[in-house]
């Protein structure tokens, strides 16, 4: 169940961060509310994950997937296209998440 909660935490964090951009410095009320609720949901589910998954592994996956998804989605939504170095870095982050998830003995499957 921990990894389902982690997926929810990641999704909520991605939505909250994209809403943070759209909030224009908290000037847009709807985006600001979505941002605050999204982060609250994300941290709540991340706290549930930590009951069954080590904090280092959970945070690495949460942060890594958040970086990858937010950058990918913002490239489409906000036309913020990463350069080659950023793209390679994100591929390395994604590779790290996959390696941790598949090969690490500290991850309970």
PDB file of N, CA and C in Angstrom:
ATOM      1  N   UNK A   1       0.824  -1.206   0.000  1.00  0.00           N
ATOM      2  CA  UNK A   1       0.000   0.000   0.000  1.00  0.00           C
ATOM      3  C   UNK A   1       0.866   1.267   0.000  1.00  0.00           C
ATOM      4  N   UNK A   2       2.089   1.144   0.544  1.00  0.00           N
ATOM      5  CA  UNK A   2       2.968   2.307   0.654  1.00  0.00           C
ATOM      6  C   UNK A   2       3.267   2.964  -0.672  1.00  0.00           C
ATOM      7  N   UNK A   3       3.458   2.147  -1.706  1.00  0.00           N
ATOM      8  CA  UNK A   3       3.805   2.736  -3.008  1.00  0.00           C
ATOM      9  C   UNK A   3       2.594   3.347  -3.706  1.00  0.00           C
ATOM     10  N   UNK A   4       1.406   2.892  -3.393  1.00  0.00           N
ATOM     11  CA  UNK A   4       0.203   3.569  -3.897  1.00  0.00           C
ATOM     12  C   UNK A   4       0.101   4.949  -3.254  1.00  0.00           C
ATOM     13  N   UNK A   5       0.366   5.004  -1.946  1.00  0.00           N
ATOM     14  CA  UNK A   5       0.365   6.289  -1.257  1.00  0.00           C
ATOM     15  C   UNK A   5       1.455   7.208  -1.811  1.00  0.00           C
ATOM     16  N   UNK A   6       2.596   6.630  -2.147  1.00  0.00           N
ATOM     17  CA  UNK A   6       3.674   7.429  -2.723  1.00  0.00           C
ATOM     18  C   UNK A   6       3.264   8.005  -4.078  1.00  0.00           C
ATOM     19  N   UNK A   7       2.568   7.225  -4.880  1.00  0.00           N
ATOM     20  CA  UNK A   7       2.082   7.723  -6.173  1.00  0.00           C
ATOM     21  C   UNK A   7       1.106   8.885  -5.970  1.00  0.00           C
ATOM     22  N   UNK A   8       0.237   8.773  -4.979  1.00  0.00           N
ATOM     23  CA  UNK A   8      -0.705   9.861  -4.683  1.00  0.00           C
ATOM     24  C   UNK A   8       0.064  11.097  -4.216  1.00  0.00           C
ATOM     25  N   UNK A   9       1.056  10.894  -3.348  1.00  0.00           N
ATOM     26  CA  UNK A   9       1.868  12.018  -2.849  1.00  0.00           C
ATOM     27  C   UNK A   9       2.590  12.716  -3.989  1.00  0.00           C
ATOM     28  N   UNK A  10       3.130  11.947  -4.908  1.00  0.00           N
ATOM     29  CA  UNK A  10       3.833  12.526  -6.061  1.00  0.00           C
ATOM     30  C   UNK A  10       2.853  13.301  -6.938  1.00  0.00           C
ATOM     31  N   UNK A  11       1.717  12.704  -7.236  1.00  0.00           N
ATOM     32  CA  UNK A  11       0.712  13.372  -8.068  1.00  0.00           C
ATOM     33  C   UNK A  11       0.232  14.679  -7.453  1.00  0.00           C
ATOM     34  N   UNK A  12      -0.026  14.654  -6.147  1.00  0.00           N
ATOM     35  CA  UNK A  12      -0.493  15.870  -5.465  1.00  0.00           C
ATOM     36  C   UNK A  12       0.588  16.946  -5.466  1.00  0.00           C
ATOM     37  N   UNK A  13       1.842  16.526  -5.284  1.00  0.00           N
ATOM     38  CA  UNK A  13       2.947  17.489  -5.282  1.00  0.00           C
ATOM     39  C   UNK A  13       3.138  18.115  -6.662  1.00  0.00           C
ATOM     40  N   UNK A  14       2.989  17.322  -7.696  1.00  0.00           N
ATOM     41  CA  UNK A  14       3.113  17.837  -9.059  1.00  0.00           C
ATOM     42  C   UNK A  14       2.003  18.852  -9.340  1.00  0.00           C
ATOM     43  N   UNK A  15       0.783  18.512  -8.986  1.00  0.00           N
ATOM     44  CA  UNK A  15      -0.345  19.431  -9.178  1.00  0.00           C
ATOM     45  C   UNK A  15      -0.122  20.717  -8.383  1.00  0.00           C
ATOM     46  N   UNK A  16       0.322  20.582  -7.129  1.00  0.00           N
ATOM     47  CA  UNK A  16       0.546  21.755  -6.282  1.00  0.00           C
ATOM     48  C   UNK A  16       1.633  22.659  -6.859  1.00  0.00           C
ATOM     49  N   UNK A  17       2.707  22.082  -7.351  1.00  0.00           N
ATOM     50  CA  UNK A  17       3.800  22.888  -7.893  1.00  0.00           C
ATOM     51  C   UNK A  17       3.387  23.593  -9.177  1.00  0.00           C
ATOM     52  N   UNK A  18       2.646  22.903 -10.034  1.00  0.00           N
ATOM     53  CA  UNK A  18       2.148  23.546 -11.247  1.00  0.00           C
ATOM     54  C   UNK A  18       1.160  24.663 -10.897  1.00  0.00           C
ATOM     55  N   UNK A  19       0.358  24.447  -9.861  1.00  0.00           N
ATOM     56  CA  UNK A  19      -0.569  25.492  -9.410  1.00  0.00           C
ATOM     57  C   UNK A  19       0.193  26.663  -8.799  1.00  0.00           C
ATOM     58  N   UNK A  20       1.326  26.381  -8.161  1.00  0.00           N
ATOM     59  CA  UNK A  20       2.143  27.446  -7.597  1.00  0.00           C
ATOM     60  C   UNK A  20       2.623  28.390  -8.696  1.00  0.00           C
ATOM     61  N   UNK A  21       3.046  27.819  -9.812  1.00  0.00           N
ATOM     62  CA  UNK A  21       3.443  28.636 -10.967  1.00  0.00           C
ATOM     63  C   UNK A  21       2.258  29.463 -11.463  1.00  0.00           C
ATOM     64  N   UNK A  22       1.099  28.818 -11.561  1.00  0.00           N
ATOM     65  CA  UNK A  22      -0.099  29.501 -12.064  1.00  0.00           C
ATOM     66  C   UNK A  22      -0.642  30.534 -11.081  1.00  0.00           C
ATOM     67  N   UNK A  23      -0.272  30.421  -9.811  1.00  0.00           N
ATOM     68  CA  UNK A  23      -0.804  31.350  -8.805  1.00  0.00           C
ATOM     69  C   UNK A  23      -0.243  32.762  -8.947  1.00  0.00           C
ATOM     70  N   UNK A  24       0.873  32.895  -9.705  1.00  0.00           N
ATOM     71  CA  UNK A  24       1.473  34.214  -9.938  1.00  0.00           C
ATOM     72  C   UNK A  24       1.784  34.915  -8.608  1.00  0.00           C
ATOM     73  N   UNK A  25       2.558  34.214  -7.763  1.00  0.00           N
ATOM     74  CA  UNK A  25       2.922  34.803  -6.470  1.00  0.00           C
ATOM     75  C   UNK A  25       1.751  34.879  -5.517  1.00  0.00           C
ATOM     76  N   UNK A  26       0.855  33.916  -5.580  1.00  0.00           N
ATOM     77  CA  UNK A  26      -0.373  33.831  -4.779  1.00  0.00           C
ATOM     78  C   UNK A  26      -1.349  34.963  -5.078  1.00  0.00           C
ATOM     79  N   UNK A  27      -1.264  35.541  -6.271  1.00  0.00           N
ATOM     80  CA  UNK A  27      -2.201  36.581  -6.681  1.00  0.00           C
ATOM     81  C   UNK A  27      -3.490  35.973  -7.232  1.00  0.00           C
ATOM     82  N   UNK A  28      -3.412  34.755  -7.758  1.00  0.00           N
ATOM     83  CA  UNK A  28      -4.582  34.057  -8.299  1.00  0.00           C
ATOM     84  C   UNK A  28      -5.133  33.141  -7.210  1.00  0.00           C
ATOM     85  N   UNK A  29      -6.341  33.453  -6.723  1.00  0.00           N
ATOM     86  CA  UNK A  29      -6.915  32.748  -5.578  1.00  0.00           C
ATOM     87  C   UNK A  29      -7.127  31.252  -5.826  1.00  0.00           C
ATOM     88  N   UNK A  30      -7.705  30.893  -6.958  1.00  0.00           N
ATOM     89  CA  UNK A  30      -8.008  29.487  -7.240  1.00  0.00           C
ATOM     90  C   UNK A  30      -6.722  28.665  -7.302  1.00  0.00           C
ATOM     91  N   UNK A  31      -5.735  29.139  -8.032  1.00  0.00           N
ATOM     92  CA  UNK A  31      -4.458  28.429  -8.126  1.00  0.00           C
ATOM     93  C   UNK A  31      -3.769  28.344  -6.768  1.00  0.00           C
ATOM     94  N   UNK A  32      -3.878  29.386  -5.976  1.00  0.00           N
ATOM     95  CA  UNK A  32      -3.267  29.394  -4.647  1.00  0.00           C
ATOM     96  C   UNK A  32      -3.906  28.347  -3.741  1.00  0.00           C
ATOM     97  N   UNK A  33      -5.222  28.235  -3.797  1.00  0.00           N
ATOM     98  CA  UNK A  33      -5.938  27.240  -2.990  1.00  0.00           C
ATOM     99  C   UNK A  33      -5.563  25.827  -3.429  1.00  0.00           C
ATOM    100  N   UNK A  34      -5.501  25.608  -4.740  1.00  0.00           N
ATOM    101  CA  UNK A  34      -5.092  24.295  -5.259  1.00  0.00           C
ATOM    102  C   UNK A  34      -3.678  23.971  -4.792  1.00  0.00           C
ATOM    103  N   UNK A  35      -2.810  24.953  -4.805  1.00  0.00           N
ATOM    104  CA  UNK A  35      -1.430  24.769  -4.375  1.00  0.00           C
ATOM    105  C   UNK A  35      -1.363  24.323  -2.911  1.00  0.00           C
ATOM    106  N   UNK A  36      -2.009  25.045  -2.038  1.00  0.00           N
ATOM    107  CA  UNK A  36      -1.965  24.738  -0.607  1.00  0.00           C
ATOM    108  C   UNK A  36      -2.581  23.371  -0.321  1.00  0.00           C
ATOM    109  N   UNK A  37      -3.730  23.088  -0.919  1.00  0.00           N
ATOM    110  CA  UNK A  37      -4.374  21.785  -0.717  1.00  0.00           C
ATOM    111  C   UNK A  37      -3.502  20.668  -1.284  1.00  0.00           C
ATOM    112  N   UNK A  38      -2.925  20.891  -2.459  1.00  0.00           N
ATOM    113  CA  UNK A  38      -2.079  19.878  -3.080  1.00  0.00           C
ATOM    114  C   UNK A  38      -0.876  19.521  -2.224  1.00  0.00           C
ATOM    115  N   UNK A  39      -0.208  20.533  -1.674  1.00  0.00           N
ATOM    116  CA  UNK A  39       0.938  20.254  -0.807  1.00  0.00           C
ATOM    117  C   UNK A  39       0.505  19.552   0.474  1.00  0.00           C
ATOM    118  N   UNK A  40      -0.644  19.963   1.040  1.00  0.00           N
ATOM    119  CA  UNK A  40      -1.137  19.291   2.252  1.00  0.00           C
ATOM    120  C   UNK A  40      -1.428  17.811   1.980  1.00  0.00           C
ATOM    121  N   UNK A  41      -2.092  17.529   0.863  1.00  0.00           N
ATOM    122  CA  UNK A  41      -2.384  16.145   0.490  1.00  0.00           C
ATOM    123  C   UNK A  41      -1.081  15.387   0.253  1.00  0.00           C
ATOM    124  N   UNK A  42      -0.146  16.003  -0.440  1.00  0.00           N
ATOM    125  CA  UNK A  42       1.123  15.359  -0.728  1.00  0.00           C
ATOM    126  C   UNK A  42       1.868  14.978   0.554  1.00  0.00           C
ATOM    127  N   UNK A  43       1.999  15.914   1.477  1.00  0.00           N
ATOM    128  CA  UNK A  43       2.726  15.624   2.713  1.00  0.00           C
ATOM    129  C   UNK A  43       1.972  14.620   3.586  1.00  0.00           C
ATOM    130  N   UNK A  44       0.644  14.660   3.572  1.00  0.00           N
ATOM    131  CA  UNK A  44      -0.113  13.677   4.335  1.00  0.00           C
ATOM    132  C   UNK A  44       0.175  12.264   3.820  1.00  0.00           C
ATOM    133  N   UNK A  45       0.073  12.078   2.502  1.00  0.00           N
ATOM    134  CA  UNK A  45       0.313  10.749   1.946  1.00  0.00           C
ATOM    135  C   UNK A  45       1.784  10.356   2.062  1.00  0.00           C
ATOM    136  N   UNK A  46       2.696  11.313   1.961  1.00  0.00           N
ATOM    137  CA  UNK A  46       4.104  10.999   2.164  1.00  0.00           C
ATOM    138  C   UNK A  46       4.332  10.521   3.601  1.00  0.00           C
ATOM    139  N   UNK A  47       3.620  11.102   4.551  1.00  0.00           N
ATOM    140  CA  UNK A  47       3.754  10.646   5.944  1.00  0.00           C
ATOM    141  C   UNK A  47       3.244   9.213   6.105  1.00  0.00           C
ATOM    142  N   UNK A  48       2.222   8.843   5.350  1.00  0.00           N
ATOM    143  CA  UNK A  48       1.736   7.458   5.400  1.00  0.00           C
ATOM    144  C   UNK A  48       2.750   6.498   4.784  1.00  0.00           C
ATOM    145  N   UNK A  49       3.402   6.935   3.726  1.00  0.00           N
ATOM    146  CA  UNK A  49       4.421   6.123   3.064  1.00  0.00           C
ATOM    147  C   UNK A  49       5.540   5.784   4.044  1.00  0.00           C
ATOM    148  N   UNK A  50       5.897   6.742   4.877  1.00  0.00           N
ATOM    149  CA  UNK A  50       7.034   6.562   5.776  1.00  0.00           C
ATOM    150  C   UNK A  50       6.785   5.533   6.870  1.00  0.00           C
ATOM    151  N   UNK A  51       5.561   5.046   6.990  1.00  0.00           N
ATOM    152  CA  UNK A  51       5.276   3.953   7.923  1.00  0.00           C
ATOM    153  C   UNK A  51       5.846   2.633   7.409  1.00  0.00           C
ATOM    154  N   UNK A  52       5.997   2.501   6.088  1.00  0.00           N
ATOM    155  CA  UNK A  52       6.422   1.227   5.512  1.00  0.00           C
ATOM    156  C   UNK A  52       7.658   1.319   4.621  1.00  0.00           C
ATOM    157  N   UNK A  53       8.054   2.510   4.232  1.00  0.00           N
ATOM    158  CA  UNK A  53       9.196   2.697   3.328  1.00  0.00           C
ATOM    159  C   UNK A  53      10.196   3.601   4.041  1.00  0.00           C
ATOM    160  N   UNK A  54      11.486   3.300   3.910  1.00  0.00           N
ATOM    161  CA  UNK A  54      12.496   4.128   4.576  1.00  0.00           C
ATOM    162  C   UNK A  54      12.441   5.556   4.029  1.00  0.00           C
ATOM    163  N   UNK A  55      12.763   6.495   4.886  1.00  0.00           N
ATOM    164  CA  UNK A  55      12.628   7.906   4.529  1.00  0.00           C
ATOM    165  C   UNK A  55      13.533   8.280   3.361  1.00  0.00           C
ATOM    166  N   UNK A  56      14.743   7.752   3.320  1.00  0.00           N
ATOM    167  CA  UNK A  56      15.662   8.081   2.227  1.00  0.00           C
ATOM    168  C   UNK A  56      15.155   7.605   0.879  1.00  0.00           C
ATOM    169  N   UNK A  57      14.655   6.381   0.837  1.00  0.00           N
ATOM    170  CA  UNK A  57      14.132   5.820  -0.413  1.00  0.00           C
ATOM    171  C   UNK A  57      12.861   6.551  -0.831  1.00  0.00           C
ATOM    172  N   UNK A  58      11.946   6.750   0.121  1.00  0.00           N
ATOM    173  CA  UNK A  58      10.685   7.436  -0.198  1.00  0.00           C
ATOM    174  C   UNK A  58      10.952   8.840  -0.721  1.00  0.00           C
ATOM    175  N   UNK A  59      11.853   9.556  -0.062  1.00  0.00           N
ATOM    176  CA  UNK A  59      12.126  10.922  -0.484  1.00  0.00           C
ATOM    177  C   UNK A  59      12.828  10.967  -1.827  1.00  0.00           C
ATOM    178  N   UNK A  60      13.738  10.041  -2.062  1.00  0.00           N
ATOM    179  CA  UNK A  60      14.437  10.006  -3.353  1.00  0.00           C
ATOM    180  C   UNK A  60      13.451   9.787  -4.497  1.00  0.00           C
ATOM    181  N   UNK A  61      12.524   8.867  -4.313  1.00  0.00           N
ATOM    182  CA  UNK A  61      11.535   8.596  -5.361  1.00  0.00           C
ATOM    183  C   UNK A  61      10.574   9.767  -5.491  1.00  0.00           C
ATOM    184  N   UNK A  62      10.092  10.292  -4.369  1.00  0.00           N
ATOM    185  CA  UNK A  62       9.137  11.412  -4.374  1.00  0.00           C
ATOM    186  C   UNK A  62       9.750  12.630  -5.069  1.00  0.00           C
ATOM    187  N   UNK A  63      10.951  12.997  -4.660  1.00  0.00           N
ATOM    188  CA  UNK A  63      11.594  14.183  -5.233  1.00  0.00           C
ATOM    189  C   UNK A  63      11.994  13.950  -6.686  1.00  0.00           C
ATOM    190  N   UNK A  64      12.584  12.794  -6.959  1.00  0.00           N
ATOM    191  CA  UNK A  64      13.039  12.508  -8.321  1.00  0.00           C
ATOM    192  C   UNK A  64      11.905  12.483  -9.320  1.00  0.00           C
ATOM    193  N   UNK A  65      10.836  11.792  -8.977  1.00  0.00           N
ATOM    194  CA  UNK A  65       9.698  11.737  -9.895  1.00  0.00           C
ATOM    195  C   UNK A  65       9.014  13.098  -9.991  1.00  0.00           C
ATOM    196  N   UNK A  66       8.990  13.839  -8.898  1.00  0.00           N
ATOM    197  CA  UNK A  66       8.422  15.185  -8.941  1.00  0.00           C
ATOM    198  C   UNK A  66       9.186  16.084  -9.895  1.00  0.00           C
ATOM    199  N   UNK A  67      10.507  16.047  -9.803  1.00  0.00           N
ATOM    200  CA  UNK A  67      11.343  16.854 -10.704  1.00  0.00           C
ATOM    201  C   UNK A  67      11.087  16.470 -12.160  1.00  0.00           C
ATOM    202  N   UNK A  68      11.120  15.177 -12.427  1.00  0.00           N
ATOM    203  CA  UNK A  68      10.940  14.700 -13.791  1.00  0.00           C
ATOM    204  C   UNK A  68       9.554  15.074 -14.337  1.00  0.00           C
ATOM    205  N   UNK A  69       8.507  14.824 -13.565  1.00  0.00           N
ATOM    206  CA  UNK A  69       7.142  15.094 -14.043  1.00  0.00           C
ATOM    207  C   UNK A  69       6.865  16.590 -14.180  1.00  0.00           C
ATOM    208  N   UNK A  70       7.286  17.374 -13.202  1.00  0.00           N
ATOM    209  CA  UNK A  70       7.039  18.819 -13.269  1.00  0.00           C
ATOM    210  C   UNK A  70       7.758  19.436 -14.457  1.00  0.00           C
ATOM    211  N   UNK A  71       8.999  19.037 -14.675  1.00  0.00           N
ATOM    212  CA  UNK A  71       9.744  19.580 -15.816  1.00  0.00           C
ATOM    213  C   UNK A  71       9.102  19.167 -17.136  1.00  0.00           C
ATOM    214  N   UNK A  72       8.677  17.911 -17.226  1.00  0.00           N
ATOM    215  CA  UNK A  72       8.040  17.430 -18.458  1.00  0.00           C
ATOM    216  C   UNK A  72       6.722  18.138 -18.736  1.00  0.00           C
ATOM    217  N   UNK A  73       5.902  18.262 -17.706  1.00  0.00           N
ATOM    218  CA  UNK A  73       4.590  18.900 -17.882  1.00  0.00           C
ATOM    219  C   UNK A  73       4.746  20.404 -18.134  1.00  0.00           C
ATOM    220  N   UNK A  74       5.675  21.051 -17.419  1.00  0.00           N
ATOM    221  CA  UNK A  74       5.849  22.497 -17.635  1.00  0.00           C
ATOM    222  C   UNK A  74       6.412  22.798 -19.019  1.00  0.00           C
ATOM    223  N   UNK A  75       7.107  21.846 -19.618  1.00  0.00           N
ATOM    224  CA  UNK A  75       7.568  22.036 -20.997  1.00  0.00           C
ATOM    225  C   UNK A  75       6.381  22.163 -21.939  1.00  0.00           C
ATOM    226  N   UNK A  76       5.319  21.424 -21.653  1.00  0.00           N
ATOM    227  CA  UNK A  76       4.119  21.472 -22.485  1.00  0.00           C
ATOM    228  C   UNK A  76       3.232  22.652 -22.083  1.00  0.00           C
ATOM    229  N   UNK A  77       2.945  22.787 -20.786  1.00  0.00           N
ATOM    230  CA  UNK A  77       2.007  23.816 -20.315  1.00  0.00           C
ATOM    231  C   UNK A  77       2.552  25.239 -20.434  1.00  0.00           C
ATOM    232  N   UNK A  78       3.811  25.407 -20.048  1.00  0.00           N
ATOM    233  CA  UNK A  78       4.371  26.756 -19.956  1.00  0.00           C
ATOM    234  C   UNK A  78       5.461  27.027 -20.987  1.00  0.00           C
ATOM    235  N   UNK A  79       5.672  26.063 -21.896  1.00  0.00           N
ATOM    236  CA  UNK A  79       6.691  26.202 -22.942  1.00  0.00           C
ATOM    237  C   UNK A  79       8.085  26.443 -22.354  1.00  0.00           C
ATOM    238  N   UNK A  80       8.351  25.857 -21.190  1.00  0.00           N
ATOM    239  CA  UNK A  80       9.661  25.959 -20.547  1.00  0.00           C
ATOM    240  C   UNK A  80      10.458  24.710 -20.919  1.00  0.00           C
ATOM    241  N   UNK A  81      11.040  24.750 -22.090  1.00  0.00           N
ATOM    242  CA  UNK A  81      11.742  23.608 -22.649  1.00  0.00           C
ATOM    243  C   UNK A  81      13.137  23.512 -22.025  1.00  0.00           C
ATOM    244  N   UNK A  82      13.470  22.362 -21.410  1.00  0.00           N
ATOM    245  CA  UNK A  82      14.811  22.223 -20.841  1.00  0.00           C
ATOM    246  C   UNK A  82      15.870  22.097 -21.932  1.00  0.00           C
ATOM    247  N   UNK A  83      17.074  22.601 -21.647  1.00  0.00           N
ATOM    248  CA  UNK A  83      18.159  22.448 -22.601  1.00  0.00           C
ATOM    249  C   UNK A  83      18.726  21.027 -22.501  1.00  0.00           C
ATOM    250  N   UNK A  84      19.730  20.732 -23.303  1.00  0.00           N
ATOM    251  CA  UNK A  84      20.281  19.377 -23.369  1.00  0.00           C
ATOM    252  C   UNK A  84      20.826  18.920 -22.019  1.00  0.00           C
ATOM    253  N   UNK A  85      21.542  19.795 -21.326  1.00  0.00           N
ATOM    254  CA  UNK A  85      22.106  19.424 -20.024  1.00  0.00           C
ATOM    255  C   UNK A  85      21.000  19.083 -19.019  1.00  0.00           C
ATOM    256  N   UNK A  86      19.932  19.875 -18.996  1.00  0.00           N
ATOM    257  CA  UNK A  86      18.812  19.607 -18.100  1.00  0.00           C
ATOM    258  C   UNK A  86      18.114  18.299 -18.472  1.00  0.00           C
ATOM    259  N   UNK A  87      17.972  18.066 -19.759  1.00  0.00           N
ATOM    260  CA  UNK A  87      17.340  16.832 -20.226  1.00  0.00           C
ATOM    261  C   UNK A  87      18.160  15.609 -19.801  1.00  0.00           C
ATOM    262  N   UNK A  88      19.458  15.677 -19.976  1.00  0.00           N
ATOM    263  CA  UNK A  88      20.330  14.570 -19.574  1.00  0.00           C
ATOM    264  C   UNK A  88      20.260  14.375 -18.052  1.00  0.00           C
ATOM    265  N   UNK A  89      20.273  15.461 -17.311  1.00  0.00           N
ATOM    266  CA  UNK A  89      20.161  15.381 -15.854  1.00  0.00           C
ATOM    267  C   UNK A  89      18.869  14.719 -15.410  1.00  0.00           C
ATOM    268  N   UNK A  90      17.774  15.068 -16.082  1.00  0.00           N
ATOM    269  CA  UNK A  90      16.488  14.453 -15.728  1.00  0.00           C
ATOM    270  C   UNK A  90      16.470  12.975 -16.067  1.00  0.00           C
ATOM    271  N   UNK A  91      17.097  12.597 -17.167  1.00  0.00           N
ATOM    272  CA  UNK A  91      17.192  11.171 -17.499  1.00  0.00           C
ATOM    273  C   UNK A  91      18.002  10.424 -16.446  1.00  0.00           C
ATOM    274  N   UNK A  92      19.044  11.063 -15.930  1.00  0.00           N
ATOM    275  CA  UNK A  92      19.830  10.446 -14.867  1.00  0.00           C
ATOM    276  C   UNK A  92      19.009  10.305 -13.581  1.00  0.00           C
ATOM    277  N   UNK A  93      18.213  11.323 -13.268  1.00  0.00           N
ATOM    278  CA  UNK A  93      17.332  11.247 -12.097  1.00  0.00           C
ATOM    279  C   UNK A  93      16.336  10.104 -12.266  1.00  0.00           C
ATOM    280  N   UNK A  94      15.700  10.034 -13.420  1.00  0.00           N
ATOM    281  CA  UNK A  94      14.737   8.964 -13.690  1.00  0.00           C
ATOM    282  C   UNK A  94      15.423   7.603 -13.621  1.00  0.00           C
ATOM    283  N   UNK A  95      16.631   7.502 -14.167  1.00  0.00           N
ATOM    284  CA  UNK A  95      17.383   6.250 -14.094  1.00  0.00           C
ATOM    285  C   UNK A  95      17.663   5.870 -12.645  1.00  0.00           C
ATOM    286  N   UNK A  96      17.996   6.841 -11.830  1.00  0.00           N
ATOM    287  CA  UNK A  96      18.236   6.589 -10.411  1.00  0.00           C
ATOM    288  C   UNK A  96      17.015   6.066  -9.702  1.00  0.00           C
ATOM    289  N   UNK A  97      15.860   6.642  -9.993  1.00  0.00           N
ATOM    290  CA  UNK A  97      14.612   6.162  -9.390  1.00  0.00           C
ATOM    291  C   UNK A  97      14.334   4.723  -9.806  1.00  0.00           C
ATOM    292  N   UNK A  98      14.536   4.418 -11.073  1.00  0.00           N
ATOM    293  CA  UNK A  98      14.319   3.048 -11.554  1.00  0.00           C
ATOM    294  C   UNK A  98      15.291   2.082 -10.884  1.00  0.00           C
ATOM    295  N   UNK A  99      16.550   2.460 -10.794  1.00  0.00           N
ATOM    296  CA  UNK A  99      17.548   1.592 -10.169  1.00  0.00           C
ATOM    297  C   UNK A  99      17.194   1.334  -8.700  1.00  0.00           C
ATOM    298  N   UNK A 100      16.816   2.378  -7.983  1.00  0.00           N
ATOM    299  CA  UNK A 100      16.409   2.209  -6.587  1.00  0.00           C
ATOM    300  C   UNK A 100      15.203   1.285  -6.490  1.00  0.00           C
ATOM    301  N   UNK A 101      14.201   1.532  -7.309  1.00  0.00           N
ATOM    302  CA  UNK A 101      12.962   0.764  -7.242  1.00  0.00           C
ATOM    303  C   UNK A 101      13.153  -0.710  -7.611  1.00  0.00           C
ATOM    304  N   UNK A 102      14.014  -0.983  -8.570  1.00  0.00           N
ATOM    305  CA  UNK A 102      14.161  -2.356  -9.066  1.00  0.00           C
ATOM    306  C   UNK A 102      15.242  -3.131  -8.310  1.00  0.00           C
ATOM    307  N   UNK A 103      16.356  -2.495  -8.017  1.00  0.00           N
ATOM    308  CA  UNK A 103      17.518  -3.246  -7.532  1.00  0.00           C
ATOM    309  C   UNK A 103      17.849  -3.078  -6.059  1.00  0.00           C
ATOM    310  N   UNK A 104      17.360  -2.028  -5.420  1.00  0.00           N
ATOM    311  CA  UNK A 104      17.757  -1.772  -4.036  1.00  0.00           C
ATOM    312  C   UNK A 104      17.155  -2.789  -3.077  1.00  0.00           C
ATOM    313  N   UNK A 105      17.969  -3.290  -2.149  1.00  0.00           N
ATOM    314  CA  UNK A 105      17.502  -4.232  -1.134  1.00  0.00           C
ATOM    315  C   UNK A 105      16.725  -3.525  -0.034  1.00  0.00           C
ATOM    316  N   UNK A 106      16.846  -2.184   0.031  1.00  0.00           N
ATOM    317  CA  UNK A 106      16.135  -1.435   1.069  1.00  0.00           C
ATOM    318  C   UNK A 106      14.690  -1.139   0.694  1.00  0.00           C
ATOM    319  N   UNK A 107      14.323  -1.459  -0.542  1.00  0.00           N
ATOM    320  CA  UNK A 107      12.957  -1.238  -1.002  1.00  0.00           C
ATOM    321  C   UNK A 107      12.205  -2.550  -0.823  1.00  0.00           C
ATOM    322  N   UNK A 108      11.076  -2.468  -0.093  1.00  0.00           N
ATOM    323  CA  UNK A 108      10.268  -3.691   0.067  1.00  0.00           C
ATOM    324  C   UNK A 108       9.266  -3.772  -1.062  1.00  0.00           C
ATOM    325  N   UNK A 109       9.304  -4.868  -1.789  1.00  0.00           N
ATOM    326  CA  UNK A 109       8.417  -5.044  -2.950  1.00  0.00           C
ATOM    327  C   UNK A 109       7.204  -5.848  -2.567  1.00  0.00           C
TER     328      UNK A 109
END
